[in-house]
Protein backbone atom coordinates (compact mmCIF):
# COMPACT_ATOMS: atom_id res chain seq x y z
CA MET A 1 64.32 25.87 102.96
CA ALA A 2 60.76 26.30 101.63
CA LYS A 3 59.25 29.74 101.77
CA PRO A 4 56.26 30.22 104.10
CA LEU A 5 52.89 30.04 102.36
CA ILE A 6 50.87 33.25 102.80
CA LEU A 7 47.20 33.54 101.85
CA VAL A 8 46.05 37.07 101.02
CA SER A 9 42.44 38.29 100.99
CA ASN A 10 40.54 41.54 101.61
CA ASP A 11 37.08 43.14 101.52
CA ASP A 12 37.64 46.01 99.09
CA GLY A 13 37.91 43.58 96.19
CA ILE A 14 40.78 42.15 94.20
CA THR A 15 41.27 45.32 92.13
CA ALA A 16 41.74 47.59 95.17
CA PRO A 17 45.13 49.34 95.54
CA GLY A 18 45.43 48.17 99.14
CA ILE A 19 45.55 44.46 98.33
CA ARG A 20 48.15 45.15 95.66
CA THR A 21 50.42 46.70 98.29
CA LEU A 22 49.83 43.80 100.69
CA VAL A 23 50.61 41.22 98.00
CA LYS A 24 53.84 42.98 97.04
CA VAL A 25 54.99 43.06 100.67
CA ALA A 26 53.95 39.45 101.34
CA MET A 27 55.87 38.29 98.26
CA ARG A 28 59.08 39.60 99.83
CA VAL A 29 58.55 37.16 102.68
CA GLY A 30 56.96 34.03 101.21
CA GLU A 31 54.97 32.25 98.54
CA VAL A 32 51.67 34.06 98.04
CA VAL A 33 48.23 32.89 96.96
CA VAL A 34 45.40 35.42 96.68
CA VAL A 35 41.68 34.68 97.07
CA ALA A 36 39.66 37.89 97.26
CA PRO A 37 36.17 39.16 96.43
CA ASP A 38 35.45 40.07 92.82
CA SER A 39 33.70 43.26 93.98
CA PRO A 40 33.75 45.50 97.09
CA GLN A 41 32.43 43.83 100.27
CA SER A 42 33.06 46.57 102.83
CA GLY A 43 30.90 46.46 105.95
CA MET A 44 29.83 42.87 105.33
CA GLY A 45 31.10 41.75 108.72
CA HIS A 46 31.24 37.97 109.05
CA ALA A 47 28.53 37.24 106.52
CA ILE A 48 28.72 33.99 104.57
CA THR A 49 26.89 32.95 101.41
CA ILE A 50 24.22 30.31 102.05
CA GLY A 51 21.30 30.80 99.65
CA ASN A 52 23.24 31.68 96.51
CA THR A 53 25.91 30.03 94.39
CA LEU A 54 29.56 30.85 94.87
CA ARG A 55 31.82 31.39 91.89
CA LEU A 56 35.60 31.19 91.96
CA ASP A 57 37.73 32.10 88.94
CA ARG A 58 41.37 32.73 88.19
CA SER A 59 41.98 36.47 88.21
CA ILE A 60 44.12 38.62 85.95
CA ALA A 61 43.79 41.66 88.24
CA LEU A 62 47.26 41.04 89.71
CA ALA A 63 48.80 39.43 86.63
CA ASP A 64 51.66 41.92 86.51
CA LEU A 65 52.78 40.72 89.95
CA ASP A 66 53.08 37.11 88.74
CA VAL A 67 51.07 35.76 91.66
CA GLU A 68 48.49 32.96 91.81
CA ALA A 69 45.21 34.83 92.28
CA TYR A 70 41.50 34.00 92.35
CA GLU A 71 38.42 36.19 92.54
CA CYS A 72 35.33 35.00 94.39
CA SER A 73 31.71 36.13 94.12
CA GLY A 74 31.23 35.79 97.88
CA THR A 75 32.18 37.58 101.07
CA PRO A 76 35.63 37.83 102.69
CA ALA A 77 34.77 34.92 105.00
CA ASP A 78 33.70 32.89 101.95
CA CYS A 79 37.05 33.64 100.33
CA VAL A 80 39.00 32.22 103.27
CA LYS A 81 36.79 29.13 103.45
CA LEU A 82 37.16 28.43 99.73
CA ALA A 83 40.88 29.08 99.86
CA LYS A 84 41.42 26.59 102.69
CA HIS A 85 39.12 23.85 101.49
CA HIS A 86 39.38 24.15 97.70
CA VAL A 87 42.24 26.29 96.36
CA LEU A 88 44.91 25.12 98.81
CA ARG A 89 43.30 21.84 99.82
CA GLU A 90 46.04 19.95 101.69
CA ARG A 91 48.43 22.92 101.75
CA LYS A 92 48.11 24.71 105.07
CA PRO A 93 48.98 28.42 104.99
CA ASP A 94 51.60 29.55 107.44
CA LEU A 95 49.82 32.90 107.65
CA VAL A 96 46.65 34.58 106.39
CA VAL A 97 46.72 38.34 105.84
CA SER A 98 43.77 40.54 104.90
CA GLY A 99 43.76 44.09 103.54
CA ILE A 100 45.18 46.59 103.31
CA ASN A 101 41.75 48.11 103.91
CA HIS A 102 40.89 51.58 102.67
CA GLY A 103 39.76 53.05 106.00
CA SER A 104 40.22 52.41 109.69
CA ASN A 105 38.99 49.25 111.39
CA SER A 106 39.88 50.31 114.92
CA SER A 107 37.68 50.10 118.00
CA ILE A 108 34.06 48.98 117.41
CA SER A 109 34.54 49.01 113.63
CA VAL A 110 36.12 45.57 113.96
CA LEU A 111 32.58 44.12 114.31
CA TYR A 112 31.48 45.46 110.94
CA SER A 113 34.73 44.90 109.10
CA GLY A 114 34.96 42.49 106.20
CA THR A 115 38.73 42.86 106.35
CA MET A 116 38.86 41.58 109.91
CA SER A 117 36.22 38.95 109.23
CA ALA A 118 38.57 37.32 106.73
CA ALA A 119 41.27 37.29 109.40
CA ILE A 120 38.91 36.01 112.09
CA GLU A 121 37.59 33.28 109.79
CA ALA A 122 41.18 32.15 109.33
CA ALA A 123 41.64 32.07 113.11
CA ILE A 124 38.47 29.95 113.41
CA GLU A 125 40.06 27.56 110.90
CA GLY A 126 43.17 27.36 113.10
CA LEU A 127 45.32 29.59 110.88
CA PRO A 128 47.46 32.48 112.16
CA SER A 129 46.02 35.68 110.74
CA ILE A 130 46.32 39.46 110.55
CA GLY A 131 44.00 42.16 109.23
CA PHE A 132 45.63 45.38 108.01
CA SER A 133 43.81 48.71 107.61
CA LEU A 134 44.94 52.20 106.65
CA CYS A 135 43.22 55.20 108.23
CA ASP A 136 42.53 56.75 104.81
CA TYR A 137 39.22 56.12 103.05
CA GLY A 138 40.31 57.51 99.69
CA HIS A 139 40.50 55.12 96.76
CA GLU A 140 43.74 56.85 95.78
CA ALA A 141 45.21 56.56 99.27
CA ASP A 142 49.00 56.41 99.55
CA PHE A 143 50.15 53.09 101.07
CA SER A 144 53.88 53.54 100.50
CA HIS A 145 54.67 54.54 104.09
CA THR A 146 53.05 51.36 105.44
CA GLU A 147 55.16 48.77 103.64
CA ALA A 148 58.04 48.56 106.12
CA PHE A 149 55.64 48.22 109.06
CA VAL A 150 53.50 45.59 107.31
CA GLU A 151 56.60 43.57 106.41
CA GLN A 152 57.96 43.80 109.94
CA ILE A 153 54.68 42.60 111.46
CA ILE A 154 54.37 39.72 108.96
CA ARG A 155 57.92 38.58 109.70
CA GLN A 156 57.35 38.80 113.45
CA ALA A 157 54.14 36.75 113.14
CA LEU A 158 55.91 34.03 111.17
CA GLU A 159 58.92 33.93 113.51
CA HIS A 160 57.19 34.16 116.88
CA ARG A 161 53.69 32.93 115.93
CA ILE A 162 50.30 34.36 116.88
CA PRO A 163 48.46 32.97 119.92
CA GLU A 164 45.91 30.26 119.09
CA ASN A 165 42.36 31.39 118.28
CA THR A 166 43.60 34.96 117.83
CA ALA A 167 43.61 37.38 114.90
CA LEU A 168 45.64 40.57 114.98
CA ASN A 169 43.87 43.80 114.06
CA VAL A 170 46.50 46.20 112.70
CA ASN A 171 45.64 49.82 111.90
CA LEU A 172 48.12 52.13 110.20
CA PRO A 173 48.02 55.95 110.36
CA LYS A 174 47.32 57.94 107.23
CA LYS A 175 50.40 59.30 105.48
CA SER A 176 51.39 62.74 106.73
CA GLU A 177 54.43 64.99 106.94
CA GLU A 178 55.27 63.38 110.29
CA ALA A 179 56.83 59.92 110.17
CA ILE A 180 55.04 57.10 111.99
CA LYS A 181 56.50 56.91 115.51
CA GLY A 182 56.39 53.14 115.94
CA ILE A 183 54.10 50.24 116.84
CA LYS A 184 51.91 49.84 119.95
CA ILE A 185 50.21 46.69 121.24
CA CYS A 186 46.80 47.97 122.33
CA ARG A 187 43.34 47.15 123.54
CA GLN A 188 40.21 48.04 121.61
CA ALA A 189 38.88 51.48 122.56
CA HIS A 190 35.37 51.76 124.00
CA ALA A 191 33.65 53.74 121.27
CA LYS A 192 30.73 53.55 118.86
CA TRP A 193 29.27 54.96 115.68
CA GLN A 194 26.44 57.40 116.40
CA GLU A 195 24.21 56.89 113.38
CA GLU A 196 21.72 59.27 111.84
CA PHE A 197 19.26 58.37 109.10
CA ASP A 198 18.59 61.03 106.50
CA GLU A 199 15.06 60.55 105.14
CA ARG A 200 14.74 61.35 101.43
CA LEU A 201 12.43 60.84 98.46
CA ASP A 202 13.39 59.15 95.21
CA PRO A 203 12.22 60.41 91.75
CA ARG A 204 9.03 58.35 92.14
CA ASN A 205 8.30 60.05 95.47
CA ARG A 206 9.04 56.92 97.47
CA LYS A 207 10.72 57.27 100.85
CA TYR A 208 14.23 55.96 101.42
CA PHE A 209 16.95 56.46 104.03
CA TRP A 210 20.65 57.31 103.79
CA MET A 211 22.73 56.40 106.82
CA THR A 212 25.21 58.97 108.08
CA GLY A 213 26.80 59.51 111.47
CA SER A 214 29.94 60.17 113.41
CA PHE A 215 32.44 58.21 115.48
CA VAL A 216 32.24 58.81 119.23
CA ASN A 217 35.15 57.72 121.43
CA TYR A 218 34.24 57.37 125.13
CA ASP A 219 37.65 55.97 126.07
CA LYS A 220 40.34 58.25 127.51
CA GLY A 221 42.88 55.46 128.05
CA GLU A 222 46.36 55.77 126.57
CA ASP A 223 46.58 52.03 125.91
CA THR A 224 43.90 51.93 123.19
CA ASP A 225 44.07 51.65 119.43
CA GLU A 226 42.40 55.05 119.06
CA TRP A 227 45.02 56.75 121.24
CA ALA A 228 47.83 55.10 119.29
CA LEU A 229 46.45 56.19 115.93
CA VAL A 230 45.75 59.76 117.03
CA ASN A 231 49.36 59.92 118.23
CA ASN A 232 50.71 58.53 114.95
CA TYR A 233 51.53 54.98 116.03
CA VAL A 234 50.59 51.73 114.31
CA SER A 235 48.13 49.89 116.57
CA ILE A 236 47.94 46.12 117.02
CA VAL A 237 44.96 44.68 118.87
CA PRO A 238 44.76 40.90 119.42
CA CYS A 239 41.15 39.81 118.76
CA GLN A 240 39.27 36.62 119.59
CA PHE A 241 36.09 35.08 118.22
CA ASP A 242 34.88 33.80 121.62
CA MET A 243 32.36 36.56 122.40
CA THR A 244 31.37 35.16 125.81
CA ALA A 245 31.04 37.92 128.42
CA HIS A 246 32.80 35.85 131.09
CA HIS A 247 32.36 38.55 133.77
CA ALA A 248 28.57 38.28 133.41
CA ILE A 249 28.30 34.53 134.05
CA ALA A 250 28.60 34.77 137.86
CA MET A 251 26.16 37.70 138.03
CA LEU A 252 23.53 35.85 136.02
CA ASN A 253 24.01 32.65 138.02
CA GLU A 254 23.70 34.52 141.32
CA GLY A 255 20.96 36.99 140.49
CA TRP A 256 18.60 35.32 138.04
CA GLN A 257 15.92 32.89 139.23
CA PHE A 258 15.01 29.85 137.13
């Protein structure tokens, strides 16, 4: 029986430790092809390259893993598009996985996430997909405790499938002395980033801004991704790319005059 074909991408770039962990886990389950950015693309959201050329080259970054790998000059969404239409051509992946991101992509962060944009682009293309993120922003983050959970989720997705037009947003707690308690299917917490802009001067006395801020969680529910992560569970949130606010349609139809 042929192994499932798994496409791997990310937003931290093909040299990031997180994608190396994801590739190693995916190779235990199926045949793996990697198409990832040649440089970090964090916070790019669902950007695509329109006005510039795209370059795609074979990569040696993962040569020691003996995996077919390509590095792309574009965004995570570009990587998935090129993988489907050029690298794999008539070969349809059984699953697309993105990550493992260095840093959380829970709650509202999903909108800014390049990691999840790769997964959502795959869902748009009709491919089952998962984005994985670790709640540790350090480049030297320890991913070892995530491998069993990542493998379990990949195997479940291949066996039971992912609903159509859906990408799974998986966030994994940072490694600690306490073992991860398990996995929770969650909703996205109602939260936001409260930004501040630090005004500074460069050596030529020209003004510039440095964005800082803090994460504010307004949601007290115990069924959210933020609750799960705070309580040391892996969170899985099913996400869709249809952003229609269906509850607002009736109100607009009834209340607005045209």
